[in-house]
Amino acid sequence: MIAKRYNKEGEAGVGDGRHHNRGAEPILNEVQQAQLLQALQAPVDESGLWNGRKVADWMSRVLERRVAPQRGWEYLKQMEFRLRLPRPEHQQQDPMELQAWKKNCLSE
């Protein structure tokens, strides 16, 4: 392959042509990215949190074609959104006992 290119184009055919490759066009254009950013400001469902799957579903509706969850996650990261979930609390905890435990932890 390289030998054929060298024979056809000389030294220029052997060089690395990747720096001329701009890559693929983004899935969402600038307007759609602005719409996604605006959608990310609002809660998505009862949990109120966005994830890659939910962003991909939103993109699928806008683009009218299937979008993989990985693409949704990439756009979520690109727009600097993070999943921030509070730690789960024990459902059967005693509030008074919890306050006493917190006071003991802070005083040590």
PDB file of N, CA and C in Angstrom:
ATOM      1  N   MET A   1       0.819  -1.185   0.000  1.00  0.00           N
ATOM      2  CA  MET A   1       0.000   0.000   0.000  1.00  0.00           C
ATOM      3  C   MET A   1       0.873   1.262   0.000  1.00  0.00           C
ATOM      4  N   ILE A   2       1.825   1.296   0.938  1.00  0.00           N
ATOM      5  CA  ILE A   2       2.708   2.460   1.011  1.00  0.00           C
ATOM      6  C   ILE A   2       3.609   2.497  -0.223  1.00  0.00           C
ATOM      7  N   ALA A   3       4.062   1.332  -0.660  1.00  0.00           N
ATOM      8  CA  ALA A   3       4.936   1.276  -1.836  1.00  0.00           C
ATOM      9  C   ALA A   3       4.199   1.774  -3.078  1.00  0.00           C
ATOM     10  N   LYS A   4       2.929   1.410  -3.205  1.00  0.00           N
ATOM     11  CA  LYS A   4       2.137   1.884  -4.346  1.00  0.00           C
ATOM     12  C   LYS A   4       1.998   3.403  -4.317  1.00  0.00           C
ATOM     13  N   ARG A   5       1.724   3.939  -3.111  1.00  0.00           N
ATOM     14  CA  ARG A   5       1.597   5.396  -2.996  1.00  0.00           C
ATOM     15  C   ARG A   5       2.922   6.077  -3.294  1.00  0.00           C
ATOM     16  N   TYR A   6       4.037   5.485  -2.847  1.00  0.00           N
ATOM     17  CA  TYR A   6       5.347   6.071  -3.105  1.00  0.00           C
ATOM     18  C   TYR A   6       5.641   6.061  -4.605  1.00  0.00           C
ATOM     19  N   ASN A   7       5.326   4.953  -5.248  1.00  0.00           N
ATOM     20  CA  ASN A   7       5.574   4.865  -6.691  1.00  0.00           C
ATOM     21  C   ASN A   7       4.699   5.843  -7.460  1.00  0.00           C
ATOM     22  N   LYS A   8       3.502   6.077  -6.987  1.00  0.00           N
ATOM     23  CA  LYS A   8       2.569   6.955  -7.693  1.00  0.00           C
ATOM     24  C   LYS A   8       2.824   8.426  -7.388  1.00  0.00           C
ATOM     25  N   GLU A   9       3.069   8.756  -6.077  1.00  0.00           N
ATOM     26  CA  GLU A   9       3.138  10.166  -5.679  1.00  0.00           C
ATOM     27  C   GLU A   9       4.514  10.613  -5.206  1.00  0.00           C
ATOM     28  N   GLY A  10       5.446   9.698  -5.093  1.00  0.00           N
ATOM     29  CA  GLY A  10       6.775  10.065  -4.604  1.00  0.00           C
ATOM     30  C   GLY A  10       6.771  10.207  -3.086  1.00  0.00           C
ATOM     31  N   GLU A  11       7.677  11.033  -2.577  1.00  0.00           N
ATOM     32  CA  GLU A  11       7.812  11.197  -1.124  1.00  0.00           C
ATOM     33  C   GLU A  11       6.535  11.730  -0.482  1.00  0.00           C
ATOM     34  N   ALA A  12       5.799  12.552  -1.164  1.00  0.00           N
ATOM     35  CA  ALA A  12       4.567  13.121  -0.595  1.00  0.00           C
ATOM     36  C   ALA A  12       3.535  12.030  -0.324  1.00  0.00           C
ATOM     37  N   GLY A  13       3.560  10.934  -1.041  1.00  0.00           N
ATOM     38  CA  GLY A  13       2.605   9.852  -0.841  1.00  0.00           C
ATOM     39  C   GLY A  13       2.856   9.024   0.398  1.00  0.00           C
ATOM     40  N   VAL A  14       4.064   9.118   0.947  1.00  0.00           N
ATOM     41  CA  VAL A  14       4.422   8.329   2.115  1.00  0.00           C
ATOM     42  C   VAL A  14       4.059   9.066   3.405  1.00  0.00           C
ATOM     43  N   GLY A  15       3.904  10.352   3.336  1.00  0.00           N
ATOM     44  CA  GLY A  15       3.651  11.160   4.534  1.00  0.00           C
ATOM     45  C   GLY A  15       2.329  10.825   5.211  1.00  0.00           C
ATOM     46  N   ASP A  16       2.223  11.250   6.451  1.00  0.00           N
ATOM     47  CA  ASP A  16       1.031  11.036   7.266  1.00  0.00           C
ATOM     48  C   ASP A  16      -0.020  12.068   6.863  1.00  0.00           C
ATOM     49  N   GLY A  17      -1.114  11.610   6.300  1.00  0.00           N
ATOM     50  CA  GLY A  17      -2.153  12.518   5.826  1.00  0.00           C
ATOM     51  C   GLY A  17      -3.240  12.805   6.850  1.00  0.00           C
ATOM     52  N   ARG A  18      -3.075  12.306   8.092  1.00  0.00           N
ATOM     53  CA  ARG A  18      -4.136  12.486   9.078  1.00  0.00           C
ATOM     54  C   ARG A  18      -4.341  13.943   9.476  1.00  0.00           C
ATOM     55  N   HIS A  19      -3.311  14.757   9.407  1.00  0.00           N
ATOM     56  CA  HIS A  19      -3.463  16.150   9.815  1.00  0.00           C
ATOM     57  C   HIS A  19      -4.345  16.934   8.840  1.00  0.00           C
ATOM     58  N   HIS A  20      -4.590  16.385   7.661  1.00  0.00           N
ATOM     59  CA  HIS A  20      -5.494  17.022   6.702  1.00  0.00           C
ATOM     60  C   HIS A  20      -6.941  16.575   6.911  1.00  0.00           C
ATOM     61  N   ASN A  21      -7.146  15.567   7.732  1.00  0.00           N
ATOM     62  CA  ASN A  21      -8.476  15.017   7.953  1.00  0.00           C
ATOM     63  C   ASN A  21      -9.155  15.776   9.088  1.00  0.00           C
ATOM     64  N   ARG A  22     -10.223  16.510   8.790  1.00  0.00           N
ATOM     65  CA  ARG A  22     -10.939  17.285   9.807  1.00  0.00           C
ATOM     66  C   ARG A  22     -11.791  16.400  10.700  1.00  0.00           C
ATOM     67  N   GLY A  23     -12.062  15.198  10.277  1.00  0.00           N
ATOM     68  CA  GLY A  23     -12.931  14.312  11.048  1.00  0.00           C
ATOM     69  C   GLY A  23     -14.372  14.482  10.624  1.00  0.00           C
ATOM     70  N   ALA A  24     -15.229  13.742  11.276  1.00  0.00           N
ATOM     71  CA  ALA A  24     -16.648  13.770  10.930  1.00  0.00           C
ATOM     72  C   ALA A  24     -17.308  15.045  11.445  1.00  0.00           C
ATOM     73  N   GLU A  25     -18.375  15.434  10.800  1.00  0.00           N
ATOM     74  CA  GLU A  25     -19.159  16.574  11.256  1.00  0.00           C
ATOM     75  C   GLU A  25     -19.854  16.204  12.563  1.00  0.00           C
ATOM     76  N   PRO A  26     -20.062  17.159  13.465  1.00  0.00           N
ATOM     77  CA  PRO A  26     -20.766  16.844  14.702  1.00  0.00           C
ATOM     78  C   PRO A  26     -22.197  16.393  14.420  1.00  0.00           C
ATOM     79  N   ILE A  27     -22.717  15.563  15.309  1.00  0.00           N
ATOM     80  CA  ILE A  27     -24.073  15.050  15.132  1.00  0.00           C
ATOM     81  C   ILE A  27     -25.086  16.187  15.220  1.00  0.00           C
ATOM     82  N   LEU A  28     -24.892  17.061  16.209  1.00  0.00           N
ATOM     83  CA  LEU A  28     -25.802  18.195  16.393  1.00  0.00           C
ATOM     84  C   LEU A  28     -25.148  19.462  15.859  1.00  0.00           C
ATOM     85  N   ASN A  29     -25.920  20.266  15.132  1.00  0.00           N
ATOM     86  CA  ASN A  29     -25.389  21.546  14.687  1.00  0.00           C
ATOM     87  C   ASN A  29     -25.445  22.536  15.858  1.00  0.00           C
ATOM     88  N   GLU A  30     -25.003  23.760  15.649  1.00  0.00           N
ATOM     89  CA  GLU A  30     -24.922  24.746  16.735  1.00  0.00           C
ATOM     90  C   GLU A  30     -26.287  25.061  17.326  1.00  0.00           C
ATOM     91  N   VAL A  31     -27.309  25.153  16.489  1.00  0.00           N
ATOM     92  CA  VAL A  31     -28.660  25.454  16.968  1.00  0.00           C
ATOM     93  C   VAL A  31     -29.168  24.310  17.843  1.00  0.00           C
ATOM     94  N   GLN A  32     -28.965  23.081  17.387  1.00  0.00           N
ATOM     95  CA  GLN A  32     -29.411  21.920  18.154  1.00  0.00           C
ATOM     96  C   GLN A  32     -28.633  21.784  19.462  1.00  0.00           C
ATOM     97  N   GLN A  33     -27.353  22.141  19.448  1.00  0.00           N
ATOM     98  CA  GLN A  33     -26.578  22.115  20.682  1.00  0.00           C
ATOM     99  C   GLN A  33     -27.105  23.140  21.672  1.00  0.00           C
ATOM    100  N   ALA A  34     -27.494  24.310  21.190  1.00  0.00           N
ATOM    101  CA  ALA A  34     -28.083  25.327  22.065  1.00  0.00           C
ATOM    102  C   ALA A  34     -29.412  24.835  22.626  1.00  0.00           C
ATOM    103  N   GLN A  35     -30.198  24.155  21.806  1.00  0.00           N
ATOM    104  CA  GLN A  35     -31.462  23.599  22.285  1.00  0.00           C
ATOM    105  C   GLN A  35     -31.209  22.527  23.347  1.00  0.00           C
ATOM    106  N   LEU A  36     -30.197  21.707  23.144  1.00  0.00           N
ATOM    107  CA  LEU A  36     -29.863  20.680  24.128  1.00  0.00           C
ATOM    108  C   LEU A  36     -29.411  21.319  25.433  1.00  0.00           C
ATOM    109  N   LEU A  37     -28.592  22.339  25.345  1.00  0.00           N
ATOM    110  CA  LEU A  37     -28.144  23.033  26.551  1.00  0.00           C
ATOM    111  C   LEU A  37     -29.332  23.606  27.317  1.00  0.00           C
ATOM    112  N   GLN A  38     -30.287  24.160  26.589  1.00  0.00           N
ATOM    113  CA  GLN A  38     -31.492  24.692  27.223  1.00  0.00           C
ATOM    114  C   GLN A  38     -32.317  23.568  27.848  1.00  0.00           C
ATOM    115  N   ALA A  39     -32.413  22.437  27.176  1.00  0.00           N
ATOM    116  CA  ALA A  39     -33.164  21.301  27.716  1.00  0.00           C
ATOM    117  C   ALA A  39     -32.486  20.750  28.968  1.00  0.00           C
ATOM    118  N   LEU A  40     -31.158  20.774  29.006  1.00  0.00           N
ATOM    119  CA  LEU A  40     -30.431  20.253  30.160  1.00  0.00           C
ATOM    120  C   LEU A  40     -30.649  21.096  31.414  1.00  0.00           C
ATOM    121  N   GLN A  41     -31.080  22.335  31.241  1.00  0.00           N
ATOM    122  CA  GLN A  41     -31.329  23.206  32.393  1.00  0.00           C
ATOM    123  C   GLN A  41     -32.590  22.785  33.144  1.00  0.00           C
ATOM    124  N   ALA A  42     -33.505  22.111  32.461  1.00  0.00           N
ATOM    125  CA  ALA A  42     -34.773  21.693  33.066  1.00  0.00           C
ATOM    126  C   ALA A  42     -34.674  20.235  33.499  1.00  0.00           C
ATOM    127  N   PRO A  43     -35.414  19.856  34.553  1.00  0.00           N
ATOM    128  CA  PRO A  43     -35.415  18.437  34.939  1.00  0.00           C
ATOM    129  C   PRO A  43     -36.009  17.577  33.835  1.00  0.00           C
ATOM    130  N   VAL A  44     -35.452  16.399  33.648  1.00  0.00           N
ATOM    131  CA  VAL A  44     -35.885  15.524  32.557  1.00  0.00           C
ATOM    132  C   VAL A  44     -37.076  14.659  32.953  1.00  0.00           C
ATOM    133  N   ASP A  45     -37.153  14.232  34.194  1.00  0.00           N
ATOM    134  CA  ASP A  45     -38.252  13.378  34.650  1.00  0.00           C
ATOM    135  C   ASP A  45     -38.351  13.490  36.162  1.00  0.00           C
ATOM    136  N   GLU A  46     -38.965  12.507  36.794  1.00  0.00           N
ATOM    137  CA  GLU A  46     -39.152  12.567  38.239  1.00  0.00           C
ATOM    138  C   GLU A  46     -37.834  12.634  39.003  1.00  0.00           C
ATOM    139  N   SER A  47     -36.755  12.065  38.445  1.00  0.00           N
ATOM    140  CA  SER A  47     -35.461  12.146  39.126  1.00  0.00           C
ATOM    141  C   SER A  47     -34.811  13.507  38.904  1.00  0.00           C
ATOM    142  N   GLY A  48     -35.156  14.167  37.801  1.00  0.00           N
ATOM    143  CA  GLY A  48     -34.604  15.483  37.518  1.00  0.00           C
ATOM    144  C   GLY A  48     -33.173  15.470  37.029  1.00  0.00           C
ATOM    145  N   LEU A  49     -32.614  14.289  36.764  1.00  0.00           N
ATOM    146  CA  LEU A  49     -31.214  14.182  36.362  1.00  0.00           C
ATOM    147  C   LEU A  49     -31.092  13.641  34.945  1.00  0.00           C
ATOM    148  N   TRP A  50     -30.163  14.195  34.213  1.00  0.00           N
ATOM    149  CA  TRP A  50     -29.878  13.741  32.852  1.00  0.00           C
ATOM    150  C   TRP A  50     -28.771  12.706  32.898  1.00  0.00           C
ATOM    151  N   ASN A  51     -28.815  11.755  31.983  1.00  0.00           N
ATOM    152  CA  ASN A  51     -27.714  10.805  31.801  1.00  0.00           C
ATOM    153  C   ASN A  51     -27.544  10.585  30.301  1.00  0.00           C
ATOM    154  N   GLY A  52     -26.575   9.770  29.935  1.00  0.00           N
ATOM    155  CA  GLY A  52     -26.283   9.546  28.519  1.00  0.00           C
ATOM    156  C   GLY A  52     -27.469   9.003  27.751  1.00  0.00           C
ATOM    157  N   ARG A  53     -28.197   8.070  28.352  1.00  0.00           N
ATOM    158  CA  ARG A  53     -29.363   7.465  27.694  1.00  0.00           C
ATOM    159  C   ARG A  53     -30.444   8.526  27.427  1.00  0.00           C
ATOM    160  N   LYS A  54     -30.714   9.374  28.408  1.00  0.00           N
ATOM    161  CA  LYS A  54     -31.761  10.392  28.250  1.00  0.00           C
ATOM    162  C   LYS A  54     -31.368  11.449  27.218  1.00  0.00           C
ATOM    163  N   VAL A  55     -30.102  11.820  27.205  1.00  0.00           N
ATOM    164  CA  VAL A  55     -29.630  12.775  26.190  1.00  0.00           C
ATOM    165  C   VAL A  55     -29.715  12.138  24.809  1.00  0.00           C
ATOM    166  N   ALA A  56     -29.344  10.875  24.690  1.00  0.00           N
ATOM    167  CA  ALA A  56     -29.422  10.173  23.401  1.00  0.00           C
ATOM    168  C   ALA A  56     -30.874  10.076  22.936  1.00  0.00           C
ATOM    169  N   ASP A  57     -31.799   9.830  23.864  1.00  0.00           N
ATOM    170  CA  ASP A  57     -33.217   9.791  23.494  1.00  0.00           C
ATOM    171  C   ASP A  57     -33.678  11.153  22.990  1.00  0.00           C
ATOM    172  N   TRP A  58     -33.238  12.215  23.657  1.00  0.00           N
ATOM    173  CA  TRP A  58     -33.590  13.575  23.223  1.00  0.00           C
ATOM    174  C   TRP A  58     -33.023  13.826  21.829  1.00  0.00           C
ATOM    175  N   MET A  59     -31.762  13.435  21.613  1.00  0.00           N
ATOM    176  CA  MET A  59     -31.132  13.629  20.308  1.00  0.00           C
ATOM    177  C   MET A  59     -31.854  12.810  19.236  1.00  0.00           C
ATOM    178  N   SER A  60     -32.303  11.608  19.586  1.00  0.00           N
ATOM    179  CA  SER A  60     -33.026  10.766  18.634  1.00  0.00           C
ATOM    180  C   SER A  60     -34.317  11.432  18.185  1.00  0.00           C
ATOM    181  N   ARG A  61     -35.016  12.059  19.123  1.00  0.00           N
ATOM    182  CA  ARG A  61     -36.260  12.755  18.755  1.00  0.00           C
ATOM    183  C   ARG A  61     -35.975  13.950  17.852  1.00  0.00           C
ATOM    184  N   VAL A  62     -34.922  14.704  18.152  1.00  0.00           N
ATOM    185  CA  VAL A  62     -34.594  15.894  17.359  1.00  0.00           C
ATOM    186  C   VAL A  62     -34.104  15.501  15.964  1.00  0.00           C
ATOM    187  N   LEU A  63     -33.241  14.497  15.898  1.00  0.00           N
ATOM    188  CA  LEU A  63     -32.632  14.099  14.627  1.00  0.00           C
ATOM    189  C   LEU A  63     -33.483  13.114  13.832  1.00  0.00           C
ATOM    190  N   GLU A  64     -34.509  12.565  14.482  1.00  0.00           N
ATOM    191  CA  GLU A  64     -35.402  11.582  13.860  1.00  0.00           C
ATOM    192  C   GLU A  64     -34.643  10.351  13.364  1.00  0.00           C
ATOM    193  N   ARG A  65     -33.670   9.939  14.168  1.00  0.00           N
ATOM    194  CA  ARG A  65     -32.935   8.707  13.909  1.00  0.00           C
ATOM    195  C   ARG A  65     -32.354   8.244  15.241  1.00  0.00           C
ATOM    196  N   ARG A  66     -31.987   6.975  15.300  1.00  0.00           N
ATOM    197  CA  ARG A  66     -31.471   6.412  16.544  1.00  0.00           C
ATOM    198  C   ARG A  66     -30.080   6.964  16.844  1.00  0.00           C
ATOM    199  N   VAL A  67     -29.870   7.332  18.108  1.00  0.00           N
ATOM    200  CA  VAL A  67     -28.563   7.798  18.571  1.00  0.00           C
ATOM    201  C   VAL A  67     -28.147   6.910  19.736  1.00  0.00           C
ATOM    202  N   ALA A  68     -26.929   6.430  19.710  1.00  0.00           N
ATOM    203  CA  ALA A  68     -26.428   5.535  20.758  1.00  0.00           C
ATOM    204  C   ALA A  68     -26.252   6.296  22.071  1.00  0.00           C
ATOM    205  N   PRO A  69     -26.474   5.617  23.192  1.00  0.00           N
ATOM    206  CA  PRO A  69     -26.300   6.275  24.497  1.00  0.00           C
ATOM    207  C   PRO A  69     -24.903   6.857  24.699  1.00  0.00           C
ATOM    208  N   GLN A  70     -23.881   6.241  24.091  1.00  0.00           N
ATOM    209  CA  GLN A  70     -22.525   6.762  24.212  1.00  0.00           C
ATOM    210  C   GLN A  70     -22.429   8.182  23.655  1.00  0.00           C
ATOM    211  N   ARG A  71     -23.113   8.443  22.538  1.00  0.00           N
ATOM    212  CA  ARG A  71     -23.104   9.792  21.954  1.00  0.00           C
ATOM    213  C   ARG A  71     -23.765  10.792  22.902  1.00  0.00           C
ATOM    214  N   GLY A  72     -24.850  10.355  23.542  1.00  0.00           N
ATOM    215  CA  GLY A  72     -25.508  11.226  24.519  1.00  0.00           C
ATOM    216  C   GLY A  72     -24.579  11.557  25.666  1.00  0.00           C
ATOM    217  N   TRP A  73     -23.838  10.550  26.156  1.00  0.00           N
ATOM    218  CA  TRP A  73     -22.890  10.762  27.242  1.00  0.00           C
ATOM    219  C   TRP A  73     -21.775  11.714  26.810  1.00  0.00           C
ATOM    220  N   GLU A  74     -21.307  11.578  25.568  1.00  0.00           N
ATOM    221  CA  GLU A  74     -20.253  12.464  25.079  1.00  0.00           C
ATOM    222  C   GLU A  74     -20.720  13.914  25.039  1.00  0.00           C
ATOM    223  N   TYR A  75     -21.955  14.138  24.579  1.00  0.00           N
ATOM    224  CA  TYR A  75     -22.484  15.509  24.555  1.00  0.00           C
ATOM    225  C   TYR A  75     -22.697  16.027  25.973  1.00  0.00           C
ATOM    226  N   LEU A  76     -23.113  15.162  26.884  1.00  0.00           N
ATOM    227  CA  LEU A  76     -23.306  15.559  28.271  1.00  0.00           C
ATOM    228  C   LEU A  76     -21.974  16.000  28.881  1.00  0.00           C
ATOM    229  N   LYS A  77     -20.911  15.244  28.622  1.00  0.00           N
ATOM    230  CA  LYS A  77     -19.583  15.607  29.112  1.00  0.00           C
ATOM    231  C   LYS A  77     -19.074  16.871  28.439  1.00  0.00           C
ATOM    232  N   GLN A  78     -19.311  16.981  27.134  1.00  0.00           N
ATOM    233  CA  GLN A  78     -18.850  18.145  26.378  1.00  0.00           C
ATOM    234  C   GLN A  78     -19.463  19.430  26.940  1.00  0.00           C
ATOM    235  N   MET A  79     -20.698  19.335  27.395  1.00  0.00           N
ATOM    236  CA  MET A  79     -21.388  20.503  27.955  1.00  0.00           C
ATOM    237  C   MET A  79     -21.147  20.632  29.461  1.00  0.00           C
ATOM    238  N   GLU A  80     -20.213  19.825  29.962  1.00  0.00           N
ATOM    239  CA  GLU A  80     -19.745  19.879  31.347  1.00  0.00           C
ATOM    240  C   GLU A  80     -20.848  19.644  32.366  1.00  0.00           C
ATOM    241  N   PHE A  81     -21.752  18.729  32.075  1.00  0.00           N
ATOM    242  CA  PHE A  81     -22.766  18.324  33.033  1.00  0.00           C
ATOM    243  C   PHE A  81     -22.293  17.056  33.711  1.00  0.00           C
ATOM    244  N   ARG A  82     -22.567  16.953  35.000  1.00  0.00           N
ATOM    245  CA  ARG A  82     -22.177  15.790  35.780  1.00  0.00           C
ATOM    246  C   ARG A  82     -23.399  15.282  36.527  1.00  0.00           C
ATOM    247  N   LEU A  83     -23.413  13.980  36.756  1.00  0.00           N
ATOM    248  CA  LEU A  83     -24.458  13.408  37.599  1.00  0.00           C
ATOM    249  C   LEU A  83     -24.062  13.637  39.049  1.00  0.00           C
ATOM    250  N   ARG A  84     -24.883  14.368  39.744  1.00  0.00           N
ATOM    251  CA  ARG A  84     -24.618  14.619  41.159  1.00  0.00           C
ATOM    252  C   ARG A  84     -25.788  14.057  41.947  1.00  0.00           C
ATOM    253  N   LEU A  85     -25.579  12.875  42.477  1.00  0.00           N
ATOM    254  CA  LEU A  85     -26.622  12.208  43.235  1.00  0.00           C
ATOM    255  C   LEU A  85     -26.280  12.262  44.715  1.00  0.00           C
ATOM    256  N   PRO A  86     -27.257  12.595  45.567  1.00  0.00           N
ATOM    257  CA  PRO A  86     -26.969  12.527  46.997  1.00  0.00           C
ATOM    258  C   PRO A  86     -26.825  11.074  47.430  1.00  0.00           C
ATOM    259  N   ARG A  87     -26.082  10.872  48.473  1.00  0.00           N
ATOM    260  CA  ARG A  87     -25.940   9.512  48.990  1.00  0.00           C
ATOM    261  C   ARG A  87     -27.290   9.037  49.509  1.00  0.00           C
ATOM    262  N   PRO A  88     -27.614   7.788  49.291  1.00  0.00           N
ATOM    263  CA  PRO A  88     -28.898   7.291  49.779  1.00  0.00           C
ATOM    264  C   PRO A  88     -28.896   7.231  51.311  1.00  0.00           C
ATOM    265  N   GLU A  89     -30.051   7.531  51.881  1.00  0.00           N
ATOM    266  CA  GLU A  89     -30.198   7.467  53.330  1.00  0.00           C
ATOM    267  C   GLU A  89     -30.952   6.207  53.705  1.00  0.00           C
ATOM    268  N   HIS A  90     -30.640   5.710  54.856  1.00  0.00           N
ATOM    269  CA  HIS A  90     -31.331   4.530  55.352  1.00  0.00           C
ATOM    270  C   HIS A  90     -32.785   4.902  55.633  1.00  0.00           C
ATOM    271  N   GLN A  91     -33.710   4.121  55.119  1.00  0.00           N
ATOM    272  CA  GLN A  91     -35.134   4.460  55.222  1.00  0.00           C
ATOM    273  C   GLN A  91     -35.680   4.304  56.635  1.00  0.00           C
ATOM    274  N   GLN A  92     -35.079   3.458  57.450  1.00  0.00           N
ATOM    275  CA  GLN A  92     -35.608   3.202  58.785  1.00  0.00           C
ATOM    276  C   GLN A  92     -34.744   3.823  59.875  1.00  0.00           C
ATOM    277  N   GLN A  93     -34.064   4.895  59.564  1.00  0.00           N
ATOM    278  CA  GLN A  93     -33.197   5.514  60.553  1.00  0.00           C
ATOM    279  C   GLN A  93     -33.991   6.348  61.551  1.00  0.00           C
ATOM    280  N   ASP A  94     -33.470   6.474  62.737  1.00  0.00           N
ATOM    281  CA  ASP A  94     -34.071   7.294  63.775  1.00  0.00           C
ATOM    282  C   ASP A  94     -33.428   8.683  63.694  1.00  0.00           C
ATOM    283  N   PRO A  95     -34.212   9.750  63.458  1.00  0.00           N
ATOM    284  CA  PRO A  95     -33.624  11.087  63.303  1.00  0.00           C
ATOM    285  C   PRO A  95     -32.840  11.547  64.530  1.00  0.00           C
ATOM    286  N   MET A  96     -33.301  11.211  65.715  1.00  0.00           N
ATOM    287  CA  MET A  96     -32.605  11.617  66.943  1.00  0.00           C
ATOM    288  C   MET A  96     -31.249  10.904  67.052  1.00  0.00           C
ATOM    289  N   GLU A  97     -31.248   9.640  66.719  1.00  0.00           N
ATOM    290  CA  GLU A  97     -30.011   8.869  66.758  1.00  0.00           C
ATOM    291  C   GLU A  97     -29.013   9.401  65.730  1.00  0.00           C
ATOM    292  N   LEU A  98     -29.517   9.799  64.568  1.00  0.00           N
ATOM    293  CA  LEU A  98     -28.666  10.351  63.524  1.00  0.00           C
ATOM    294  C   LEU A  98     -28.023  11.652  63.992  1.00  0.00           C
ATOM    295  N   GLN A  99     -28.794  12.533  64.619  1.00  0.00           N
ATOM    296  CA  GLN A  99     -28.247  13.799  65.116  1.00  0.00           C
ATOM    297  C   GLN A  99     -27.179  13.550  66.181  1.00  0.00           C
ATOM    298  N   ALA A 100     -27.431  12.599  67.069  1.00  0.00           N
ATOM    299  CA  ALA A 100     -26.449  12.276  68.095  1.00  0.00           C
ATOM    300  C   ALA A 100     -25.172  11.735  67.466  1.00  0.00           C
ATOM    301  N   TRP A 101     -25.311  10.900  66.460  1.00  0.00           N
ATOM    302  CA  TRP A 101     -24.150  10.348  65.773  1.00  0.00           C
ATOM    303  C   TRP A 101     -23.343  11.462  65.092  1.00  0.00           C
ATOM    304  N   LYS A 102     -24.062  12.400  64.443  1.00  0.00           N
ATOM    305  CA  LYS A 102     -23.369  13.509  63.769  1.00  0.00           C
ATOM    306  C   LYS A 102     -22.615  14.367  64.771  1.00  0.00           C
ATOM    307  N   LYS A 103     -23.235  14.631  65.926  1.00  0.00           N
ATOM    308  CA  LYS A 103     -22.560  15.442  66.951  1.00  0.00           C
ATOM    309  C   LYS A 103     -21.312  14.749  67.442  1.00  0.00           C
ATOM    310  N   ASN A 104     -21.393  13.430  67.635  1.00  0.00           N
ATOM    311  CA  ASN A 104     -20.219  12.683  68.092  1.00  0.00           C
ATOM    312  C   ASN A 104     -19.113  12.695  67.052  1.00  0.00           C
ATOM    313  N   CYS A 105     -19.482  12.616  65.785  1.00  0.00           N
ATOM    314  CA  CYS A 105     -18.468  12.610  64.716  1.00  0.00           C
ATOM    315  C   CYS A 105     -17.758  13.953  64.619  1.00  0.00           C
ATOM    316  N   LEU A 106     -18.504  15.044  64.796  1.00  0.00           N
ATOM    317  CA  LEU A 106     -17.925  16.370  64.666  1.00  0.00           C
ATOM    318  C   LEU A 106     -17.040  16.723  65.853  1.00  0.00           C
ATOM    319  N   SER A 107     -17.343  16.183  67.027  1.00  0.00           N
ATOM    320  CA  SER A 107     -16.574  16.542  68.208  1.00  0.00           C
ATOM    321  C   SER A 107     -15.257  15.781  68.313  1.00  0.00           C
ATOM    322  N   GLU A 108     -15.110  14.697  67.593  1.00  0.00           N
ATOM    323  CA  GLU A 108     -13.873  13.902  67.679  1.00  0.00           C
ATOM    324  C   GLU A 108     -12.744  14.483  66.907  1.00  0.00           C
TER     325      GLU A 108
END
